[in-house]
C-alpha atoms as a PDB file:
ATOM      1  CA  MET A   1     -33.345   2.475   2.510  1.00  0.00           C
ATOM      2  CA  ASP A   2     -32.349   4.668  -0.422  1.00  0.00           C
ATOM      3  CA  TYR A   3     -29.450   3.855  -2.730  1.00  0.00           C
ATOM      4  CA  LYS A   4     -27.000   6.394  -1.302  1.00  0.00           C
ATOM      5  CA  LYS A   5     -27.447   5.067   2.220  1.00  0.00           C
ATOM      6  CA  PHE A   6     -27.176   1.466   1.053  1.00  0.00           C
ATOM      7  CA  LYS A   7     -24.031   2.277  -0.929  1.00  0.00           C
ATOM      8  CA  LYS A   8     -22.399   3.897   2.097  1.00  0.00           C
ATOM      9  CA  GLU A   9     -23.211   0.916   4.336  1.00  0.00           C
ATOM     10  CA  ALA A  10     -22.489  -1.813   1.785  1.00  0.00           C
ATOM     11  CA  ARG A  11     -19.079  -0.799   0.482  1.00  0.00           C
ATOM     12  CA  ARG A  12     -15.940  -1.180   2.551  1.00  0.00           C
ATOM     13  CA  GLU A  13     -14.290   2.080   3.477  1.00  0.00           C
ATOM     14  CA  LYS A  14     -11.040   0.662   2.055  1.00  0.00           C
ATOM     15  CA  ASP A  15     -10.711  -2.222  -0.388  1.00  0.00           C
ATOM     16  CA  ALA A  16      -8.450  -3.835  -2.997  1.00  0.00           C
ATOM     17  CA  ILE A  17      -7.981  -2.139  -6.349  1.00  0.00           C
ATOM     18  CA  VAL A  18     -10.043  -4.672  -8.342  1.00  0.00           C
ATOM     19  CA  PRO A  19     -13.247  -4.332  -6.262  1.00  0.00           C
ATOM     20  CA  VAL A  20     -12.895  -0.547  -6.191  1.00  0.00           C
ATOM     21  CA  LEU A  21     -12.455  -0.181  -9.960  1.00  0.00           C
ATOM     22  CA  PHE A  22     -14.088  -3.238 -11.542  1.00  0.00           C
ATOM     23  CA  LEU A  23     -16.552  -4.860  -9.111  1.00  0.00           C
ATOM     24  CA  ASP A  24     -18.159  -2.247  -6.852  1.00  0.00           C
ATOM     25  CA  PRO A  25     -19.493  -0.062  -9.718  1.00  0.00           C
ATOM     26  CA  ILE A  26     -21.555  -3.053 -10.908  1.00  0.00           C
ATOM     27  CA  ALA A  27     -22.079  -5.010  -7.679  1.00  0.00           C
ATOM     28  CA  THR A  28     -23.552  -2.186  -5.607  1.00  0.00           C
ATOM     29  CA  PRO A  29     -26.397  -1.092  -7.931  1.00  0.00           C
ATOM     30  CA  VAL A  30     -27.189  -4.694  -8.941  1.00  0.00           C
ATOM     31  CA  THR A  31     -27.315  -5.829  -5.307  1.00  0.00           C
ATOM     32  CA  PHE A  32     -29.521  -2.878  -4.362  1.00  0.00           C
ATOM     33  CA  LEU A  33     -31.868  -3.556  -7.284  1.00  0.00           C
ATOM     34  CA  LEU A  34     -32.097  -7.279  -6.483  1.00  0.00           C
ATOM     35  CA  LYS A  35     -32.886  -6.532  -2.836  1.00  0.00           C
ATOM     36  CA  LYS A  36     -35.610  -4.063  -3.822  1.00  0.00           C
ATOM     37  CA  THR A  37     -37.070  -6.568  -6.286  1.00  0.00           C
ATOM     38  CA  PHE A  38     -36.743  -9.649  -4.088  1.00  0.00           C
ATOM     39  CA  LYS A  39     -37.388  -8.468  -0.537  1.00  0.00           C
ATOM     40  CA  LYS A  40     -36.454 -11.813   1.028  1.00  0.00           C
ATOM     41  CA  LEU A  41     -33.108 -12.119  -0.757  1.00  0.00           C
ATOM     42  CA  THR A  42     -30.308 -12.964   1.672  1.00  0.00           C
ATOM     43  CA  PRO A  43     -26.500 -12.891   1.381  1.00  0.00           C
ATOM     44  CA  THR A  44     -26.468 -16.645   1.965  1.00  0.00           C
ATOM     45  CA  GLN A  45     -28.611 -17.222  -1.125  1.00  0.00           C
ATOM     46  CA  ILE A  46     -26.114 -15.313  -3.268  1.00  0.00           C
ATOM     47  CA  THR A  47     -23.252 -17.296  -1.731  1.00  0.00           C
ATOM     48  CA  ILE A  48     -25.050 -20.577  -2.424  1.00  0.00           C
ATOM     49  CA  SER A  49     -25.621 -19.547  -6.056  1.00  0.00           C
ATOM     50  CA  ARG A  50     -21.864 -19.159  -6.407  1.00  0.00           C
ATOM     51  CA  LEU A  51     -21.187 -22.410  -4.573  1.00  0.00           C
ATOM     52  CA  VAL A  52     -23.572 -24.639  -6.530  1.00  0.00           C
ATOM     53  CA  PHE A  53     -23.733 -22.954  -9.933  1.00  0.00           C
ATOM     54  CA  PHE A  54     -21.218 -20.281 -10.978  1.00  0.00           C
ATOM     55  CA  SER A  55     -18.015 -21.826  -9.605  1.00  0.00           C
ATOM     56  CA  PRO A  56     -18.760 -25.386 -10.842  1.00  0.00           C
ATOM     57  CA  LEU A  57     -19.725 -23.911 -14.231  1.00  0.00           C
ATOM     58  CA  VAL A  58     -16.318 -22.190 -14.566  1.00  0.00           C
ATOM     59  CA  ILE A  59     -14.500 -25.404 -13.666  1.00  0.00           C
ATOM     60  CA  ALA A  60     -16.602 -27.374 -16.174  1.00  0.00           C
ATOM     61  CA  LEU A  61     -15.820 -24.836 -18.920  1.00  0.00           C
ATOM     62  CA  LEU A  62     -12.082 -25.110 -18.225  1.00  0.00           C
ATOM     63  CA  LEU A  63     -12.216 -28.909 -18.377  1.00  0.00           C
ATOM     64  CA  LEU A  64     -14.099 -28.797 -21.693  1.00  0.00           C
ATOM     65  CA  ALA A  65     -11.909 -26.086 -23.233  1.00  0.00           C
ATOM     66  CA  PRO A  66      -9.000 -28.289 -24.507  1.00  0.00           C
ATOM     67  CA  PHE A  67     -11.468 -30.443 -26.459  1.00  0.00           C
ATOM     68  CA  PHE A  68     -14.123 -27.979 -27.661  1.00  0.00           C
ATOM     69  CA  GLY A  69     -12.243 -24.779 -28.487  1.00  0.00           C
ATOM     70  CA  ASP A  70     -10.558 -21.768 -26.957  1.00  0.00           C
ATOM     71  CA  ILE A  71     -13.864 -19.897 -26.747  1.00  0.00           C
ATOM     72  CA  PHE A  72     -14.473 -21.965 -23.608  1.00  0.00           C
ATOM     73  CA  TYR A  73     -11.480 -20.266 -21.960  1.00  0.00           C
ATOM     74  CA  LEU A  74     -13.013 -16.867 -22.638  1.00  0.00           C
ATOM     75  CA  LEU A  75     -16.371 -18.059 -21.282  1.00  0.00           C
ATOM     76  CA  ALA A  76     -14.577 -19.397 -18.201  1.00  0.00           C
ATOM     77  CA  GLY A  77     -12.879 -16.031 -17.694  1.00  0.00           C
ATOM     78  CA  ILE A  78     -16.206 -14.211 -17.969  1.00  0.00           C
ATOM     79  CA  GLY A  79     -17.824 -16.765 -15.677  1.00  0.00           C
ATOM     80  CA  PHE A  80     -15.089 -16.319 -13.115  1.00  0.00           C
ATOM     81  CA  TYR A  81     -15.611 -12.552 -13.198  1.00  0.00           C
ATOM     82  CA  VAL A  82     -19.264 -13.233 -12.360  1.00  0.00           C
ATOM     83  CA  THR A  83     -18.201 -15.409  -9.401  1.00  0.00           C
ATOM     84  CA  LEU A  84     -16.043 -12.527  -8.133  1.00  0.00           C
ATOM     85  CA  LEU A  85     -19.028 -10.236  -8.631  1.00  0.00           C
ATOM     86  CA  THR A  86     -21.282 -12.494  -6.541  1.00  0.00           C
ATOM     87  CA  ASP A  87     -18.540 -12.704  -3.904  1.00  0.00           C
ATOM     88  CA  CYS A  88     -18.606  -8.927  -3.737  1.00  0.00           C
ATOM     89  CA  MET A  89     -22.418  -8.803  -3.796  1.00  0.00           C
ATOM     90  CA  ASP A  90     -23.070 -11.146  -0.879  1.00  0.00           C
ATOM     91  CA  GLY A  91     -20.702  -9.139   1.310  1.00  0.00           C
ATOM     92  CA  GLN A  92     -22.317  -5.862   0.281  1.00  0.00           C
ATOM     93  CA  LEU A  93     -25.803  -7.201   0.919  1.00  0.00           C
ATOM     94  CA  ALA A  94     -24.740  -8.474   4.348  1.00  0.00           C
ATOM     95  CA  ARG A  95     -23.214  -5.124   5.321  1.00  0.00           C
ATOM     96  CA  GLY A  96     -25.900  -3.017   3.649  1.00  0.00           C
ATOM     97  CA  THR A  97     -28.747  -4.825   5.413  1.00  0.00           C
ATOM     98  CA  LYS A  98     -26.763  -5.667   8.568  1.00  0.00           C
ATOM     99  CA  ALA A  99     -27.373  -9.364   7.939  1.00  0.00           C
ATOM    100  CA  ILE A 100     -23.875 -10.629   8.737  1.00  0.00           C
ATOM    101  CA  SER A 101     -23.942 -14.159  10.205  1.00  0.00           C
ATOM    102  CA  LYS A 102     -21.486 -16.898  11.140  1.00  0.00           C
ATOM    103  CA  LYS A 103     -23.266 -19.311   8.786  1.00  0.00           C
ATOM    104  CA  GLY A 104     -22.847 -16.854   5.919  1.00  0.00           C
ATOM    105  CA  ASP A 105     -19.163 -16.370   6.726  1.00  0.00           C
ATOM    106  CA  LEU A 106     -18.621 -20.145   6.758  1.00  0.00           C
ATOM    107  CA  LEU A 107     -20.401 -20.687   3.432  1.00  0.00           C
ATOM    108  CA  ASP A 108     -18.493 -17.773   1.914  1.00  0.00           C
ATOM    109  CA  CYS A 109     -15.209 -19.306   3.091  1.00  0.00           C
ATOM    110  CA  ILE A 110     -16.166 -22.675   1.579  1.00  0.00           C
ATOM    111  CA  SER A 111     -17.176 -21.126  -1.744  1.00  0.00           C
ATOM    112  CA  ASP A 112     -13.903 -19.174  -1.841  1.00  0.00           C
ATOM    113  CA  ARG A 113     -12.015 -22.485  -2.003  1.00  0.00           C
ATOM    114  CA  PHE A 114     -13.426 -22.879  -5.516  1.00  0.00           C
ATOM    115  CA  SER A 115     -11.182 -19.995  -6.566  1.00  0.00           C
ATOM    116  CA  ASN A 116      -8.150 -22.098  -5.622  1.00  0.00           C
ATOM    117  CA  ILE A 117      -9.610 -25.098  -7.429  1.00  0.00           C
ATOM    118  CA  THR A 118     -10.244 -22.925 -10.484  1.00  0.00           C
ATOM    119  CA  PHE A 119      -6.558 -22.019 -10.692  1.00  0.00           C
ATOM    120  CA  PHE A 120      -5.485 -25.672 -10.399  1.00  0.00           C
ATOM    121  CA  THR A 121      -8.027 -26.564 -13.088  1.00  0.00           C
ATOM    122  CA  LEU A 122      -6.748 -23.799 -15.383  1.00  0.00           C
ATOM    123  CA  LEU A 123      -3.186 -25.148 -15.104  1.00  0.00           C
ATOM    124  CA  PHE A 124      -4.393 -28.689 -15.798  1.00  0.00           C
ATOM    125  CA  SER A 125      -6.593 -27.581 -18.716  1.00  0.00           C
ATOM    126  CA  PHE A 126      -3.923 -25.488 -20.433  1.00  0.00           C
ATOM    127  CA  ALA A 127      -1.333 -28.235 -19.880  1.00  0.00           C
ATOM    128  CA  ILE A 128      -3.576 -30.600 -21.841  1.00  0.00           C
ATOM    129  CA  ARG A 129      -4.277 -27.914 -24.451  1.00  0.00           C
ATOM    130  CA  ILE A 130      -0.579 -27.446 -25.302  1.00  0.00           C
ATOM    131  CA  ASN A 131       0.654 -30.875 -24.094  1.00  0.00           C
ATOM    132  CA  ASN A 132       2.949 -29.392 -21.428  1.00  0.00           C
ATOM    133  CA  MET A 133       4.088 -31.985 -18.880  1.00  0.00           C
ATOM    134  CA  PHE A 134       5.592 -29.382 -16.505  1.00  0.00           C
ATOM    135  CA  LEU A 135       2.263 -27.593 -16.047  1.00  0.00           C
ATOM    136  CA  LEU A 136       0.420 -30.907 -15.803  1.00  0.00           C
ATOM    137  CA  ILE A 137       2.627 -32.214 -12.992  1.00  0.00           C
ATOM    138  CA  GLY A 138       2.746 -28.753 -11.410  1.00  0.00           C
ATOM    139  CA  SER A 139      -1.057 -28.512 -11.240  1.00  0.00           C
ATOM    140  CA  PHE A 140      -1.263 -31.816  -9.340  1.00  0.00           C
ATOM    141  CA  LEU A 141       1.645 -30.897  -7.059  1.00  0.00           C
ATOM    142  CA  ILE A 142       0.116 -27.536  -6.114  1.00  0.00           C
ATOM    143  CA  LEU A 143      -3.217 -29.233  -5.476  1.00  0.00           C
ATOM    144  CA  ILE A 144      -1.587 -31.842  -3.220  1.00  0.00           C
ATOM    145  CA  LEU A 145       0.326 -29.168  -1.285  1.00  0.00           C
ATOM    146  CA  LYS A 146      -2.834 -27.085  -0.865  1.00  0.00           C
ATOM    147  CA  ILE A 147      -4.806 -30.086   0.415  1.00  0.00           C
ATOM    148  CA  PHE A 148      -1.994 -31.038   2.790  1.00  0.00           C
ATOM    149  CA  GLN A 149      -1.791 -27.483   4.125  1.00  0.00           C
ATOM    150  CA  MET A 150      -5.576 -27.359   4.653  1.00  0.00           C
ATOM    151  CA  VAL A 151      -5.539 -30.716   6.460  1.00  0.00           C
ATOM    152  CA  ILE A 152      -2.870 -29.411   8.849  1.00  0.00           C
ATOM    153  CA  VAL A 153      -4.850 -26.213   9.485  1.00  0.00           C
ATOM    154  CA  ILE A 154      -8.036 -28.207  10.134  1.00  0.00           C
ATOM    155  CA  ARG A 155      -6.237 -30.476  12.583  1.00  0.00           C
ATOM    156  CA  ILE A 156      -4.759 -27.459  14.365  1.00  0.00           C
ATOM    157  CA  SER A 157      -8.212 -25.876  14.584  1.00  0.00           C
ATOM    158  CA  GLU A 158      -9.642 -29.059  16.110  1.00  0.00           C
ATOM    159  CA  SER A 159      -6.863 -29.305  18.692  1.00  0.00           C
ATOM    160  CA  LYS A 160      -6.058 -27.024  21.625  1.00  0.00           C
ATOM    161  CA  PHE A 161      -2.942 -25.750  19.894  1.00  0.00           C
ATOM    162  CA  LEU A 162      -4.578 -22.452  18.991  1.00  0.00           C
ATOM    163  CA  GLU A 163      -5.267 -21.779  22.669  1.00  0.00           C
ATOM    164  CA  LYS A 164      -1.546 -21.976  23.449  1.00  0.00           C
ATOM    165  CA  SER A 165      -0.174 -19.994  20.524  1.00  0.00           C
ATOM    166  CA  ASN A 166      -0.602 -16.930  18.356  1.00  0.00           C
ATOM    167  CA  PRO A 167      -2.105 -18.291  15.097  1.00  0.00           C
ATOM    168  CA  ASP A 168      -1.315 -15.075  13.211  1.00  0.00           C
ATOM    169  CA  ALA A 169       2.378 -15.921  13.527  1.00  0.00           C
ATOM    170  CA  TYR A 170       2.043 -18.921  11.194  1.00  0.00           C
ATOM    171  CA  LEU A 171      -1.431 -18.809   9.588  1.00  0.00           C
ATOM    172  CA  SER A 172      -1.516 -15.166   8.497  1.00  0.00           C
ATOM    173  CA  GLU A 173      -0.979 -14.791   4.755  1.00  0.00           C
ATOM    174  CA  ARG A 174       0.013 -11.169   5.333  1.00  0.00           C
ATOM    175  CA  ILE A 175       3.102 -12.239   7.262  1.00  0.00           C
ATOM    176  CA  ILE A 176       4.003 -14.812   4.603  1.00  0.00           C
ATOM    177  CA  VAL A 177       3.693 -12.402   1.685  1.00  0.00           C
ATOM    178  CA  GLU A 178       5.930  -9.972   3.524  1.00  0.00           C
ATOM    179  CA  LYS A 179       8.584 -12.636   4.080  1.00  0.00           C
ATOM    180  CA  ILE A 180       8.701 -13.911   0.503  1.00  0.00           C
ATOM    181  CA  GLY A 181       8.677 -10.482  -1.109  1.00  0.00           C
ATOM    182  CA  ILE A 182       5.154 -10.150  -2.538  1.00  0.00           C
ATOM    183  CA  ASP A 183       4.474  -7.209  -0.278  1.00  0.00           C
ATOM    184  CA  PHE A 184       7.430  -5.372  -1.808  1.00  0.00           C
ATOM    185  CA  VAL A 185       5.939  -5.767  -5.299  1.00  0.00           C
ATOM    186  CA  TYR A 186       2.564  -4.456  -4.107  1.00  0.00           C
ATOM    187  CA  ARG A 187       4.187  -1.429  -2.440  1.00  0.00           C
ATOM    188  CA  LYS A 188       6.004  -0.558  -5.667  1.00  0.00           C
ATOM    189  CA  PHE A 189       2.810  -0.970  -7.682  1.00  0.00           C
ATOM    190  CA  PHE A 190       0.783   1.263  -5.396  1.00  0.00           C
ATOM    191  CA  ALA A 191       3.585   3.824  -5.376  1.00  0.00           C
ATOM    192  CA  LEU A 192       3.244   3.977  -9.181  1.00  0.00           C
ATOM    193  CA  ILE A 193      -0.534   4.526  -9.117  1.00  0.00           C
ATOM    194  CA  LYS A 194      -0.459   6.943  -6.167  1.00  0.00           C
ATOM    195  CA  PRO A 195      -0.493  10.029  -8.467  1.00  0.00           C
ATOM    196  CA  LEU A 196      -3.880   8.845  -9.775  1.00  0.00           C
ATOM    197  CA  LYS A 197      -5.301   9.576  -6.293  1.00  0.00           C
ATOM    198  CA  ILE A 198      -7.791   6.722  -6.406  1.00  0.00           C
ATOM    199  CA  LYS A 199      -9.745   6.762  -3.152  1.00  0.00           C
ATOM    200  CA  ARG A 200     -10.686   3.696  -1.060  1.00  0.00           C
ATOM    201  CA  ILE A 201      -7.763   1.548  -2.281  1.00  0.00           C
ATOM    202  CA  ASP A 202      -6.093  -0.449   0.485  1.00  0.00           C
ATOM    203  CA  PRO A 203      -2.790  -2.098  -0.561  1.00  0.00           C
ATOM    204  CA  ARG A 204      -3.195  -4.661   2.231  1.00  0.00           C
ATOM    205  CA  ARG A 205      -6.257  -6.202   0.594  1.00  0.00           C
ATOM    206  CA  SER A 206      -5.303  -8.186  -2.500  1.00  0.00           C
ATOM    207  CA  CYS A 207      -7.464 -11.321  -2.728  1.00  0.00           C
ATOM    208  CA  PHE A 208      -9.515 -10.229  -5.757  1.00  0.00           C
ATOM    209  CA  ASP A 209      -6.418  -8.728  -7.390  1.00  0.00           C
ATOM    210  CA  GLN A 210      -4.565 -12.047  -7.381  1.00  0.00           C
ATOM    211  CA  TYR A 211      -7.506 -13.869  -8.988  1.00  0.00           C
ATOM    212  CA  ILE A 212      -7.594 -11.377 -11.846  1.00  0.00           C
ATOM    213  CA  ILE A 213      -3.877 -12.026 -12.424  1.00  0.00           C
ATOM    214  CA  THR A 214      -3.916 -15.813 -12.044  1.00  0.00           C
ATOM    215  CA  ILE A 215      -7.202 -16.706 -13.760  1.00  0.00           C
ATOM    216  CA  ILE A 216      -8.957 -14.018 -15.795  1.00  0.00           C
ATOM    217  CA  ILE A 217      -5.911 -12.580 -17.607  1.00  0.00           C
ATOM    218  CA  PRO A 218      -4.569 -16.046 -18.633  1.00  0.00           C
ATOM    219  CA  THR A 219      -7.971 -17.176 -19.961  1.00  0.00           C
ATOM    220  CA  ILE A 220      -8.254 -14.043 -22.097  1.00  0.00           C
ATOM    221  CA  LEU A 221      -4.698 -14.470 -23.424  1.00  0.00           C
ATOM    222  CA  ILE A 222      -5.391 -18.119 -24.290  1.00  0.00           C
ATOM    223  CA  TYR A 223      -8.484 -17.115 -26.241  1.00  0.00           C
ATOM    224  CA  PHE A 224      -6.377 -14.682 -28.276  1.00  0.00           C
ATOM    225  CA  GLN A 225      -3.823 -17.450 -28.974  1.00  0.00           C
ATOM    226  CA  LYS A 226      -1.002 -15.901 -26.916  1.00  0.00           C
ATOM    227  CA  PHE A 227       0.184 -19.383 -25.985  1.00  0.00           C
ATOM    228  CA  GLN A 228       3.865 -18.620 -25.479  1.00  0.00           C
ATOM    229  CA  THR A 229       3.127 -15.693 -23.158  1.00  0.00           C
ATOM    230  CA  VAL A 230       0.620 -17.741 -21.160  1.00  0.00           C
ATOM    231  CA  THR A 231       2.997 -20.705 -20.967  1.00  0.00           C
ATOM    232  CA  TYR A 232       5.835 -18.644 -19.500  1.00  0.00           C
ATOM    233  CA  PHE A 233       3.457 -16.867 -17.142  1.00  0.00           C
ATOM    234  CA  LEU A 234       1.759 -20.024 -15.859  1.00  0.00           C
ATOM    235  CA  CYS A 235       5.112 -21.801 -15.475  1.00  0.00           C
ATOM    236  CA  PHE A 236       6.254 -18.880 -13.334  1.00  0.00           C
ATOM    237  CA  LEU A 237       3.040 -19.045 -11.272  1.00  0.00           C
ATOM    238  CA  THR A 238       3.437 -22.806 -10.893  1.00  0.00           C
ATOM    239  CA  VAL A 239       6.940 -22.462  -9.419  1.00  0.00           C
ATOM    240  CA  PHE A 240       5.799 -19.541  -7.293  1.00  0.00           C
ATOM    241  CA  PHE A 241       2.838 -21.376  -5.745  1.00  0.00           C
ATOM    242  CA  ILE A 242       4.851 -24.535  -5.122  1.00  0.00           C
ATOM    243  CA  VAL A 243       7.374 -22.441  -3.171  1.00  0.00           C
ATOM    244  CA  TYR A 244       4.543 -20.501  -1.515  1.00  0.00           C
ATOM    245  CA  TYR A 245       2.691 -23.575  -0.214  1.00  0.00           C
ATOM    246  CA  LEU A 246       5.906 -25.284   0.839  1.00  0.00           C
ATOM    247  CA  TYR A 247       6.770 -22.172   2.831  1.00  0.00           C
ATOM    248  CA  LYS A 248       3.303 -22.096   4.423  1.00  0.00           C
ATOM    249  CA  ILE A 249       3.546 -25.761   5.412  1.00  0.00           C
ATOM    250  CA  LYS A 250       7.088 -25.282   6.763  1.00  0.00           C
ATOM    251  CA  THR A 251       5.963 -22.266   8.812  1.00  0.00           C
ATOM    252  CA  ILE A 252       3.036 -24.149  10.346  1.00  0.00           C
ATOM    253  CA  ILE A 253       5.084 -27.268  11.157  1.00  0.00           C
ATOM    254  CA  SER A 254       7.893 -25.158  12.632  1.00  0.00           C
ATOM    255  CA  ALA A 255       5.382 -23.362  14.861  1.00  0.00           C
ATOM    256  CA  ILE A 256       3.977 -26.682  16.066  1.00  0.00           C
ATOM    257  CA  LEU A 257       7.420 -28.111  16.804  1.00  0.00           C
ATOM    258  CA  ASN A 258       8.530 -24.953  18.617  1.00  0.00           C
ATOM    259  CA  GLN A 259       5.355 -24.915  20.689  1.00  0.00           C
ATOM    260  CA  THR A 260       5.678 -28.553  21.740  1.00  0.00           C
ATOM    261  CA  GLU A 261       9.308 -28.314  22.799  1.00  0.00           C
END
């Protein structure tokens, strides 16, 4: 397979703004080159590299940062960009070589949870760095809410509840972001960049975009000693995610109660 054909197969027809502008231009040629060099390379191997090396490395850097210098925040930000790159690469390799599998999807889903853990760790790390009790308590509270929400979802998946209901009505993040106003912000943003006529951008896909905002930008700002800006921003994100997870939990519980009545 030549590069042009691989590129056409590997990239999504529509994607979020961050992959289109900042990940695909690197991920596609690197993935193609790796596959040509290592014929037996699989998407699962890339996913596992993220799961056992890159993601834990970022978390370790964030935990060390308050004690060994702000350079560790910058390294964590760079490391997290690499994890996003590998997330993009395994998907491109799977599509480009038609090697999509349920096992790969499951491992990819598991490794994606590290992105959530990375955000909690960033809050905790910066709270220690500036001795901010609000961020410290907030990081634990968000973590507890996230775990509780995941436990509920797992229990629902194990039960027969999904067979009797429409899971998109209470599990879909798209519906939630529309209800709490995030979708409105995205629509305004994409209206502003519309004159740029950037092809392939899909406003409905925002996973990578949110990680750039919540993790990479704060780590860079911390490195450049913009503590006050980062403090206000992370406090805002802390309140936002507490409300967000509470809303998700409320929506799920309400759906269960309505279904069992």
